[in-house]
Amino acid sequence: VGDSLGMVMLGYDSTVPVTMDEMIHHC
């Protein structure tokens, strides 16, 4: 469950904005 979800799922420009809560939700 990669932080690449920030780009491919959440539309961020990079992985940097991804939060712990977002990661836990997707995991």
mmCIF file of all heavy atoms, coordinates in Angstrom:
data_MODEL
# 
_entry.id   MODEL 
# 
loop_
_atom_site.group_PDB 
_atom_site.id 
_atom_site.type_symbol 
_atom_site.label_atom_id 
_atom_site.label_alt_id 
_atom_site.label_comp_id 
_atom_site.label_asym_id 
_atom_site.label_entity_id 
_atom_site.label_seq_id 
_atom_site.pdbx_PDB_ins_code 
_atom_site.Cartn_x 
_atom_site.Cartn_y 
_atom_site.Cartn_z 
_atom_site.occupancy 
_atom_site.B_iso_or_equiv 
_atom_site.pdbx_formal_charge 
_atom_site.auth_seq_id 
_atom_site.auth_comp_id 
_atom_site.auth_asym_id 
_atom_site.auth_atom_id 
_atom_site.pdbx_PDB_model_num 
ATOM 1   N N   . VAL A 1 1  ? 0.888   -1.161 0.000  1.00 0.00 ? 1  VAL A N   1 
ATOM 2   C CA  . VAL A 1 1  ? 0.000   0.000  0.000  1.00 0.00 ? 1  VAL A CA  1 
ATOM 3   C C   . VAL A 1 1  ? 0.925   1.210  0.000  1.00 0.00 ? 1  VAL A C   1 
ATOM 4   O O   . VAL A 1 1  ? 1.394   1.665  1.043  1.00 0.00 ? 1  VAL A O   1 
ATOM 5   C CB  . VAL A 1 1  ? -0.939  0.008  1.211  1.00 0.00 ? 1  VAL A CB  1 
ATOM 6   C CG1 . VAL A 1 1  ? -1.968  1.144  1.079  1.00 0.00 ? 1  VAL A CG1 1 
ATOM 7   C CG2 . VAL A 1 1  ? -1.657  -1.331 1.343  1.00 0.00 ? 1  VAL A CG2 1 
ATOM 8   N N   . GLY A 1 2  ? 1.238   1.689  -1.204 1.00 0.00 ? 2  GLY A N   1 
ATOM 9   C CA  . GLY A 1 2  ? 2.264   2.703  -1.361 1.00 0.00 ? 2  GLY A CA  1 
ATOM 10  C C   . GLY A 1 2  ? 1.754   4.114  -1.142 1.00 0.00 ? 2  GLY A C   1 
ATOM 11  O O   . GLY A 1 2  ? 0.575   4.416  -1.388 1.00 0.00 ? 2  GLY A O   1 
ATOM 12  N N   . ASP A 1 3  ? 2.656   4.996  -0.707 1.00 0.00 ? 3  ASP A N   1 
ATOM 13  C CA  . ASP A 1 3  ? 2.265   6.402  -0.590 1.00 0.00 ? 3  ASP A CA  1 
ATOM 14  C C   . ASP A 1 3  ? 2.096   7.034  -1.969 1.00 0.00 ? 3  ASP A C   1 
ATOM 15  O O   . ASP A 1 3  ? 1.659   8.181  -2.080 1.00 0.00 ? 3  ASP A O   1 
ATOM 16  C CB  . ASP A 1 3  ? 3.236   7.193  0.272  1.00 0.00 ? 3  ASP A CB  1 
ATOM 17  C CG  . ASP A 1 3  ? 4.653   7.235  -0.273 1.00 0.00 ? 3  ASP A CG  1 
ATOM 18  O OD1 . ASP A 1 3  ? 4.920   6.594  -1.314 1.00 0.00 ? 3  ASP A OD1 1 
ATOM 19  O OD2 . ASP A 1 3  ? 5.509   7.906  0.344  1.00 0.00 ? 3  ASP A OD2 1 
ATOM 20  N N   . SER A 1 4  ? 2.386   6.268  -3.015 1.00 0.00 ? 4  SER A N   1 
ATOM 21  C CA  . SER A 1 4  ? 2.063   6.695  -4.380 1.00 0.00 ? 4  SER A CA  1 
ATOM 22  C C   . SER A 1 4  ? 0.564   6.908  -4.553 1.00 0.00 ? 4  SER A C   1 
ATOM 23  O O   . SER A 1 4  ? 0.123   7.527  -5.529 1.00 0.00 ? 4  SER A O   1 
ATOM 24  C CB  . SER A 1 4  ? 2.556   5.657  -5.396 1.00 0.00 ? 4  SER A CB  1 
ATOM 25  O OG  . SER A 1 4  ? 2.206   4.343  -5.007 1.00 0.00 ? 4  SER A OG  1 
ATOM 26  N N   . LEU A 1 5  ? -0.232  6.446  -3.586 1.00 0.00 ? 5  LEU A N   1 
ATOM 27  C CA  . LEU A 1 5  ? -1.673  6.706  -3.633 1.00 0.00 ? 5  LEU A CA  1 
ATOM 28  C C   . LEU A 1 5  ? -1.948  8.199  -3.635 1.00 0.00 ? 5  LEU A C   1 
ATOM 29  O O   . LEU A 1 5  ? -3.001  8.649  -4.132 1.00 0.00 ? 5  LEU A O   1 
ATOM 30  C CB  . LEU A 1 5  ? -2.394  6.012  -2.471 1.00 0.00 ? 5  LEU A CB  1 
ATOM 31  C CG  . LEU A 1 5  ? -2.139  6.490  -1.033 1.00 0.00 ? 5  LEU A CG  1 
ATOM 32  C CD1 . LEU A 1 5  ? -3.035  7.667  -0.640 1.00 0.00 ? 5  LEU A CD1 1 
ATOM 33  C CD2 . LEU A 1 5  ? -2.359  5.340  -0.040 1.00 0.00 ? 5  LEU A CD2 1 
ATOM 34  N N   . GLY A 1 6  ? -1.018  8.981  -3.098 1.00 0.00 ? 6  GLY A N   1 
ATOM 35  C CA  . GLY A 1 6  ? -1.194  10.425 -3.116 1.00 0.00 ? 6  GLY A CA  1 
ATOM 36  C C   . GLY A 1 6  ? -1.349  10.960 -4.523 1.00 0.00 ? 6  GLY A C   1 
ATOM 37  O O   . GLY A 1 6  ? -2.118  11.898 -4.769 1.00 0.00 ? 6  GLY A O   1 
ATOM 38  N N   . MET A 1 7  ? -0.644  10.346 -5.478 1.00 0.00 ? 7  MET A N   1 
ATOM 39  C CA  . MET A 1 7  ? -0.694  10.805 -6.866 1.00 0.00 ? 7  MET A CA  1 
ATOM 40  C C   . MET A 1 7  ? -1.782  10.096 -7.656 1.00 0.00 ? 7  MET A C   1 
ATOM 41  O O   . MET A 1 7  ? -2.547  10.728 -8.375 1.00 0.00 ? 7  MET A O   1 
ATOM 42  C CB  . MET A 1 7  ? 0.668   10.607 -7.517 1.00 0.00 ? 7  MET A CB  1 
ATOM 43  C CG  . MET A 1 7  ? 1.801   11.322 -6.777 1.00 0.00 ? 7  MET A CG  1 
ATOM 44  S SD  . MET A 1 7  ? 3.436   10.919 -7.377 1.00 0.00 ? 7  MET A SD  1 
ATOM 45  C CE  . MET A 1 7  ? 3.507   11.909 -8.856 1.00 0.00 ? 7  MET A CE  1 
ATOM 46  N N   . VAL A 1 8  ? -1.859  8.768  -7.535 1.00 0.00 ? 8  VAL A N   1 
ATOM 47  C CA  . VAL A 1 8  ? -2.773  8.014  -8.404 1.00 0.00 ? 8  VAL A CA  1 
ATOM 48  C C   . VAL A 1 8  ? -4.194  7.942  -7.871 1.00 0.00 ? 8  VAL A C   1 
ATOM 49  O O   . VAL A 1 8  ? -5.140  7.715  -8.636 1.00 0.00 ? 8  VAL A O   1 
ATOM 50  C CB  . VAL A 1 8  ? -2.242  6.586  -8.660 1.00 0.00 ? 8  VAL A CB  1 
ATOM 51  C CG1 . VAL A 1 8  ? -0.884  6.635  -9.330 1.00 0.00 ? 8  VAL A CG1 1 
ATOM 52  C CG2 . VAL A 1 8  ? -2.184  5.761  -7.374 1.00 0.00 ? 8  VAL A CG2 1 
ATOM 53  N N   . MET A 1 9  ? -4.379  8.150  -6.560 1.00 0.00 ? 9  MET A N   1 
ATOM 54  C CA  . MET A 1 9  ? -5.719  8.086  -5.972 1.00 0.00 ? 9  MET A CA  1 
ATOM 55  C C   . MET A 1 9  ? -6.239  9.440  -5.499 1.00 0.00 ? 9  MET A C   1 
ATOM 56  O O   . MET A 1 9  ? -7.428  9.721  -5.589 1.00 0.00 ? 9  MET A O   1 
ATOM 57  C CB  . MET A 1 9  ? -5.733  7.110  -4.787 1.00 0.00 ? 9  MET A CB  1 
ATOM 58  C CG  . MET A 1 9  ? -5.388  5.680  -5.137 1.00 0.00 ? 9  MET A CG  1 
ATOM 59  S SD  . MET A 1 9  ? -6.625  4.860  -6.180 1.00 0.00 ? 9  MET A SD  1 
ATOM 60  C CE  . MET A 1 9  ? -7.965  4.622  -5.010 1.00 0.00 ? 9  MET A CE  1 
ATOM 61  N N   . LEU A 1 10 ? -5.341  10.280 -4.980 1.00 0.00 ? 10 LEU A N   1 
ATOM 62  C CA  . LEU A 1 10 ? -5.766  11.534 -4.363 1.00 0.00 ? 10 LEU A CA  1 
ATOM 63  C C   . LEU A 1 10 ? -5.460  12.760 -5.208 1.00 0.00 ? 10 LEU A C   1 
ATOM 64  O O   . LEU A 1 10 ? -5.891  13.862 -4.867 1.00 0.00 ? 10 LEU A O   1 
ATOM 65  C CB  . LEU A 1 10 ? -5.118  11.679 -2.974 1.00 0.00 ? 10 LEU A CB  1 
ATOM 66  C CG  . LEU A 1 10 ? -5.395  10.519 -2.004 1.00 0.00 ? 10 LEU A CG  1 
ATOM 67  C CD1 . LEU A 1 10 ? -4.688  10.751 -0.677 1.00 0.00 ? 10 LEU A CD1 1 
ATOM 68  C CD2 . LEU A 1 10 ? -6.894  10.339 -1.783 1.00 0.00 ? 10 LEU A CD2 1 
ATOM 69  N N   . GLY A 1 11 ? -4.681  12.602 -6.282 1.00 0.00 ? 11 GLY A N   1 
ATOM 70  C CA  . GLY A 1 11 ? -4.432  13.713 -7.192 1.00 0.00 ? 11 GLY A CA  1 
ATOM 71  C C   . GLY A 1 11 ? -3.398  14.709 -6.744 1.00 0.00 ? 11 GLY A C   1 
ATOM 72  O O   . GLY A 1 11 ? -3.293  15.796 -7.313 1.00 0.00 ? 11 GLY A O   1 
ATOM 73  N N   . TYR A 1 12 ? -2.571  14.367 -5.740 1.00 0.00 ? 12 TYR A N   1 
ATOM 74  C CA  . TYR A 1 12 ? -1.495  15.253 -5.331 1.00 0.00 ? 12 TYR A CA  1 
ATOM 75  C C   . TYR A 1 12 ? -0.406  15.275 -6.410 1.00 0.00 ? 12 TYR A C   1 
ATOM 76  O O   . TYR A 1 12 ? -0.316  14.365 -7.228 1.00 0.00 ? 12 TYR A O   1 
ATOM 77  C CB  . TYR A 1 12 ? -0.872  14.794 -4.009 1.00 0.00 ? 12 TYR A CB  1 
ATOM 78  C CG  . TYR A 1 12 ? -1.807  14.782 -2.818 1.00 0.00 ? 12 TYR A CG  1 
ATOM 79  C CD1 . TYR A 1 12 ? -1.658  13.829 -1.818 1.00 0.00 ? 12 TYR A CD1 1 
ATOM 80  C CD2 . TYR A 1 12 ? -2.823  15.725 -2.670 1.00 0.00 ? 12 TYR A CD2 1 
ATOM 81  C CE1 . TYR A 1 12 ? -2.493  13.816 -0.703 1.00 0.00 ? 12 TYR A CE1 1 
ATOM 82  C CE2 . TYR A 1 12 ? -3.661  15.719 -1.562 1.00 0.00 ? 12 TYR A CE2 1 
ATOM 83  C CZ  . TYR A 1 12 ? -3.493  14.756 -0.577 1.00 0.00 ? 12 TYR A CZ  1 
ATOM 84  O OH  . TYR A 1 12 ? -4.318  14.737 0.515  1.00 0.00 ? 12 TYR A OH  1 
ATOM 85  N N   . ASP A 1 13 ? 0.435   16.294 -6.355 1.00 0.00 ? 13 ASP A N   1 
ATOM 86  C CA  . ASP A 1 13 ? 1.542   16.391 -7.314 1.00 0.00 ? 13 ASP A CA  1 
ATOM 87  C C   . ASP A 1 13 ? 2.712   15.488 -6.950 1.00 0.00 ? 13 ASP A C   1 
ATOM 88  O O   . ASP A 1 13 ? 3.594   15.238 -7.776 1.00 0.00 ? 13 ASP A O   1 
ATOM 89  C CB  . ASP A 1 13 ? 2.029   17.842 -7.414 1.00 0.00 ? 13 ASP A CB  1 
ATOM 90  C CG  . ASP A 1 13 ? 1.014   18.740 -8.111 1.00 0.00 ? 13 ASP A CG  1 
ATOM 91  O OD1 . ASP A 1 13 ? 0.242   18.221 -8.943 1.00 0.00 ? 13 ASP A OD1 1 
ATOM 92  O OD2 . ASP A 1 13 ? 0.988   19.943 -7.807 1.00 0.00 ? 13 ASP A OD2 1 
ATOM 93  N N   . SER A 1 14 ? 2.767   15.047 -5.693 1.00 0.00 ? 14 SER A N   1 
ATOM 94  C CA  . SER A 1 14 ? 3.840   14.172 -5.242 1.00 0.00 ? 14 SER A CA  1 
ATOM 95  C C   . SER A 1 14 ? 3.326   13.342 -4.075 1.00 0.00 ? 14 SER A C   1 
ATOM 96  O O   . SER A 1 14 ? 2.165   13.450 -3.671 1.00 0.00 ? 14 SER A O   1 
ATOM 97  C CB  . SER A 1 14 ? 5.056   14.998 -4.795 1.00 0.00 ? 14 SER A CB  1 
ATOM 98  O OG  . SER A 1 14 ? 4.787   15.652 -3.563 1.00 0.00 ? 14 SER A OG  1 
ATOM 99  N N   . THR A 1 15 ? 4.223   12.533 -3.494 1.00 0.00 ? 15 THR A N   1 
ATOM 100 C CA  . THR A 1 15 ? 3.836   11.727 -2.333 1.00 0.00 ? 15 THR A CA  1 
ATOM 101 C C   . THR A 1 15 ? 3.944   12.511 -1.026 1.00 0.00 ? 15 THR A C   1 
ATOM 102 O O   . THR A 1 15 ? 3.446   12.052 0.005  1.00 0.00 ? 15 THR A O   1 
ATOM 103 C CB  . THR A 1 15 ? 4.733   10.481 -2.228 1.00 0.00 ? 15 THR A CB  1 
ATOM 104 O OG1 . THR A 1 15 ? 6.090   10.892 -2.031 1.00 0.00 ? 15 THR A OG1 1 
ATOM 105 C CG2 . THR A 1 15 ? 4.645   9.627  -3.485 1.00 0.00 ? 15 THR A CG2 1 
ATOM 106 N N   . VAL A 1 16 ? 4.577   13.665 -1.061 1.00 0.00 ? 16 VAL A N   1 
ATOM 107 C CA  . VAL A 1 16 ? 4.877   14.412 0.163  1.00 0.00 ? 16 VAL A CA  1 
ATOM 108 C C   . VAL A 1 16 ? 3.638   14.774 0.997  1.00 0.00 ? 16 VAL A C   1 
ATOM 109 O O   . VAL A 1 16 ? 3.663   14.660 2.227  1.00 0.00 ? 16 VAL A O   1 
ATOM 110 C CB  . VAL A 1 16 ? 5.702   15.677 -0.168 1.00 0.00 ? 16 VAL A CB  1 
ATOM 111 C CG1 . VAL A 1 16 ? 5.847   16.587 1.046  1.00 0.00 ? 16 VAL A CG1 1 
ATOM 112 C CG2 . VAL A 1 16 ? 7.083   15.274 -0.683 1.00 0.00 ? 16 VAL A CG2 1 
ATOM 113 N N   . PRO A 1 17 ? 2.511   15.202 0.400  1.00 0.00 ? 17 PRO A N   1 
ATOM 114 C CA  . PRO A 1 17 ? 1.379   15.608 1.232  1.00 0.00 ? 17 PRO A CA  1 
ATOM 115 C C   . PRO A 1 17 ? 0.633   14.463 1.928  1.00 0.00 ? 17 PRO A C   1 
ATOM 116 O O   . PRO A 1 17 ? -0.203  14.716 2.799  1.00 0.00 ? 17 PRO A O   1 
ATOM 117 C CB  . PRO A 1 17 ? 0.433   16.297 0.222  1.00 0.00 ? 17 PRO A CB  1 
ATOM 118 C CG  . PRO A 1 17 ? 1.264   16.597 -0.967 1.00 0.00 ? 17 PRO A CG  1 
ATOM 119 C CD  . PRO A 1 17 ? 2.283   15.518 -1.024 1.00 0.00 ? 17 PRO A CD  1 
ATOM 120 N N   . VAL A 1 18 ? 0.914   13.227 1.569  1.00 0.00 ? 18 VAL A N   1 
ATOM 121 C CA  . VAL A 1 18 ? 0.155   12.101 2.116  1.00 0.00 ? 18 VAL A CA  1 
ATOM 122 C C   . VAL A 1 18 ? 0.314   12.033 3.638  1.00 0.00 ? 18 VAL A C   1 
ATOM 123 O O   . VAL A 1 18 ? 1.411   12.158 4.174  1.00 0.00 ? 18 VAL A O   1 
ATOM 124 C CB  . VAL A 1 18 ? 0.618   10.772 1.486  1.00 0.00 ? 18 VAL A CB  1 
ATOM 125 C CG1 . VAL A 1 18 ? -0.128  9.599  2.100  1.00 0.00 ? 18 VAL A CG1 1 
ATOM 126 C CG2 . VAL A 1 18 ? 0.399   10.799 -0.020 1.00 0.00 ? 18 VAL A CG2 1 
ATOM 127 N N   . THR A 1 19 ? -0.799  11.820 4.338  1.00 0.00 ? 19 THR A N   1 
ATOM 128 C CA  . THR A 1 19 ? -0.798  11.790 5.800  1.00 0.00 ? 19 THR A CA  1 
ATOM 129 C C   . THR A 1 19 ? -0.892  10.357 6.325  1.00 0.00 ? 19 THR A C   1 
ATOM 130 O O   . THR A 1 19 ? -1.250  9.424  5.593  1.00 0.00 ? 19 THR A O   1 
ATOM 131 C CB  . THR A 1 19 ? -1.988  12.579 6.357  1.00 0.00 ? 19 THR A CB  1 
ATOM 132 O OG1 . THR A 1 19 ? -3.211  11.897 6.002  1.00 0.00 ? 19 THR A OG1 1 
ATOM 133 C CG2 . THR A 1 19 ? -2.029  13.998 5.804  1.00 0.00 ? 19 THR A CG2 1 
ATOM 134 N N   . MET A 1 20 ? -0.616  10.198 7.605  1.00 0.00 ? 20 MET A N   1 
ATOM 135 C CA  . MET A 1 20 ? -0.768  8.900  8.249  1.00 0.00 ? 20 MET A CA  1 
ATOM 136 C C   . MET A 1 20 ? -2.219  8.427  8.175  1.00 0.00 ? 20 MET A C   1 
ATOM 137 O O   . MET A 1 20 ? -2.482  7.256  7.884  1.00 0.00 ? 20 MET A O   1 
ATOM 138 C CB  . MET A 1 20 ? -0.324  8.981  9.711  1.00 0.00 ? 20 MET A CB  1 
ATOM 139 C CG  . MET A 1 20 ? 1.153   8.761  9.940  1.00 0.00 ? 20 MET A CG  1 
ATOM 140 S SD  . MET A 1 20 ? 1.716   7.079  9.504  1.00 0.00 ? 20 MET A SD  1 
ATOM 141 C CE  . MET A 1 20 ? 0.708   6.071  10.576 1.00 0.00 ? 20 MET A CE  1 
ATOM 142 N N   . ASP A 1 21 ? -3.155  9.324  8.442  1.00 0.00 ? 21 ASP A N   1 
ATOM 143 C CA  . ASP A 1 21 ? -4.566  8.922  8.422  1.00 0.00 ? 21 ASP A CA  1 
ATOM 144 C C   . ASP A 1 21 ? -4.991  8.442  7.039  1.00 0.00 ? 21 ASP A C   1 
ATOM 145 O O   . ASP A 1 21 ? -5.769  7.490  6.914  1.00 0.00 ? 21 ASP A O   1 
ATOM 146 C CB  . ASP A 1 21 ? -5.464  10.081 8.876  1.00 0.00 ? 21 ASP A CB  1 
ATOM 147 C CG  . ASP A 1 21 ? -5.386  10.328 10.377 1.00 0.00 ? 21 ASP A CG  1 
ATOM 148 O OD1 . ASP A 1 21 ? -4.914  9.430  11.102 1.00 0.00 ? 21 ASP A OD1 1 
ATOM 149 O OD2 . ASP A 1 21 ? -5.794  11.415 10.824 1.00 0.00 ? 21 ASP A OD2 1 
ATOM 150 N N   . GLU A 1 22 ? -4.488  9.094  5.993  1.00 0.00 ? 22 GLU A N   1 
ATOM 151 C CA  . GLU A 1 22 ? -4.813  8.647  4.635  1.00 0.00 ? 22 GLU A CA  1 
ATOM 152 C C   . GLU A 1 22 ? -4.230  7.262  4.369  1.00 0.00 ? 22 GLU A C   1 
ATOM 153 O O   . GLU A 1 22 ? -4.889  6.391  3.790  1.00 0.00 ? 22 GLU A O   1 
ATOM 154 C CB  . GLU A 1 22 ? -4.284  9.664  3.615  1.00 0.00 ? 22 GLU A CB  1 
ATOM 155 C CG  . GLU A 1 22 ? -5.100  10.952 3.592  1.00 0.00 ? 22 GLU A CG  1 
ATOM 156 C CD  . GLU A 1 22 ? -4.443  12.079 2.804  1.00 0.00 ? 22 GLU A CD  1 
ATOM 157 O OE1 . GLU A 1 22 ? -3.212  12.037 2.584  1.00 0.00 ? 22 GLU A OE1 1 
ATOM 158 O OE2 . GLU A 1 22 ? -5.171  13.016 2.425  1.00 0.00 ? 22 GLU A OE2 1 
ATOM 159 N N   . MET A 1 23 ? -3.001  7.038  4.818  1.00 0.00 ? 23 MET A N   1 
ATOM 160 C CA  . MET A 1 23 ? -2.385  5.728  4.626  1.00 0.00 ? 23 MET A CA  1 
ATOM 161 C C   . MET A 1 23 ? -3.141  4.639  5.376  1.00 0.00 ? 23 MET A C   1 
ATOM 162 O O   . MET A 1 23 ? -3.401  3.555  4.841  1.00 0.00 ? 23 MET A O   1 
ATOM 163 C CB  . MET A 1 23 ? -0.919  5.754  5.078  1.00 0.00 ? 23 MET A CB  1 
ATOM 164 C CG  . MET A 1 23 ? 0.022   6.533  4.183  1.00 0.00 ? 23 MET A CG  1 
ATOM 165 S SD  . MET A 1 23 ? 0.048   5.962  2.453  1.00 0.00 ? 23 MET A SD  1 
ATOM 166 C CE  . MET A 1 23 ? 0.371   4.218  2.643  1.00 0.00 ? 23 MET A CE  1 
ATOM 167 N N   . ILE A 1 24 ? -3.498  4.916  6.610  1.00 0.00 ? 24 ILE A N   1 
ATOM 168 C CA  . ILE A 1 24 ? -4.225  3.919  7.410  1.00 0.00 ? 24 ILE A CA  1 
ATOM 169 C C   . ILE A 1 24 ? -5.561  3.591  6.770  1.00 0.00 ? 24 ILE A C   1 
ATOM 170 O O   . ILE A 1 24 ? -5.967  2.416  6.686  1.00 0.00 ? 24 ILE A O   1 
ATOM 171 C CB  . ILE A 1 24 ? -4.428  4.433  8.851  1.00 0.00 ? 24 ILE A CB  1 
ATOM 172 C CG1 . ILE A 1 24 ? -3.076  4.639  9.555  1.00 0.00 ? 24 ILE A CG1 1 
ATOM 173 C CG2 . ILE A 1 24 ? -5.306  3.470  9.641  1.00 0.00 ? 24 ILE A CG2 1 
ATOM 174 C CD1 . ILE A 1 24 ? -2.234  3.403  9.697  1.00 0.00 ? 24 ILE A CD1 1 
ATOM 175 N N   . HIS A 1 25 ? -6.259  4.619  6.293  1.00 0.00 ? 25 HIS A N   1 
ATOM 176 C CA  . HIS A 1 25 ? -7.557  4.429  5.635  1.00 0.00 ? 25 HIS A CA  1 
ATOM 177 C C   . HIS A 1 25 ? -7.441  3.465  4.453  1.00 0.00 ? 25 HIS A C   1 
ATOM 178 O O   . HIS A 1 25 ? -8.221  2.508  4.321  1.00 0.00 ? 25 HIS A O   1 
ATOM 179 C CB  . HIS A 1 25 ? -8.081  5.787  5.166  1.00 0.00 ? 25 HIS A CB  1 
ATOM 180 C CG  . HIS A 1 25 ? -9.303  5.724  4.322  1.00 0.00 ? 25 HIS A CG  1 
ATOM 181 N ND1 . HIS A 1 25 ? -10.576 5.623  4.844  1.00 0.00 ? 25 HIS A ND1 1 
ATOM 182 C CD2 . HIS A 1 25 ? -9.459  5.751  2.972  1.00 0.00 ? 25 HIS A CD2 1 
ATOM 183 C CE1 . HIS A 1 25 ? -11.454 5.579  3.854  1.00 0.00 ? 25 HIS A CE1 1 
ATOM 184 N NE2 . HIS A 1 25 ? -10.804 5.653  2.719  1.00 0.00 ? 25 HIS A NE2 1 
ATOM 185 N N   . HIS A 1 26 ? -6.445  3.683  3.595  1.00 0.00 ? 26 HIS A N   1 
ATOM 186 C CA  . HIS A 1 26 ? -6.290  2.842  2.408  1.00 0.00 ? 26 HIS A CA  1 
ATOM 187 C C   . HIS A 1 26 ? -5.768  1.450  2.767  1.00 0.00 ? 26 HIS A C   1 
ATOM 188 O O   . HIS A 1 26 ? -6.169  0.458  2.142  1.00 0.00 ? 26 HIS A O   1 
ATOM 189 C CB  . HIS A 1 26 ? -5.368  3.534  1.400  1.00 0.00 ? 26 HIS A CB  1 
ATOM 190 C CG  . HIS A 1 26 ? -6.024  4.682  0.689  1.00 0.00 ? 26 HIS A CG  1 
ATOM 191 N ND1 . HIS A 1 26 ? -6.712  4.529  -0.489 1.00 0.00 ? 26 HIS A ND1 1 
ATOM 192 C CD2 . HIS A 1 26 ? -6.127  5.994  1.010  1.00 0.00 ? 26 HIS A CD2 1 
ATOM 193 C CE1 . HIS A 1 26 ? -7.202  5.695  -0.876 1.00 0.00 ? 26 HIS A CE1 1 
ATOM 194 N NE2 . HIS A 1 26 ? -6.853  6.604  0.012  1.00 0.00 ? 26 HIS A NE2 1 
ATOM 195 N N   . CYS A 1 27 ? -4.892  1.373  3.758  1.00 0.00 ? 27 CYS A N   1 
ATOM 196 C CA  . CYS A 1 27 ? -4.395  0.057  4.184  1.00 0.00 ? 27 CYS A CA  1 
ATOM 197 C C   . CYS A 1 27 ? -5.523  -0.817 4.719  1.00 0.00 ? 27 CYS A C   1 
ATOM 198 O O   . CYS A 1 27 ? -5.565  -2.030 4.446  1.00 0.00 ? 27 CYS A O   1 
ATOM 199 C CB  . CYS A 1 27 ? -3.316  0.218  5.255  1.00 0.00 ? 27 CYS A CB  1 
ATOM 200 S SG  . CYS A 1 27 ? -1.715  0.802  4.638  1.00 0.00 ? 27 CYS A SG  1 
# 
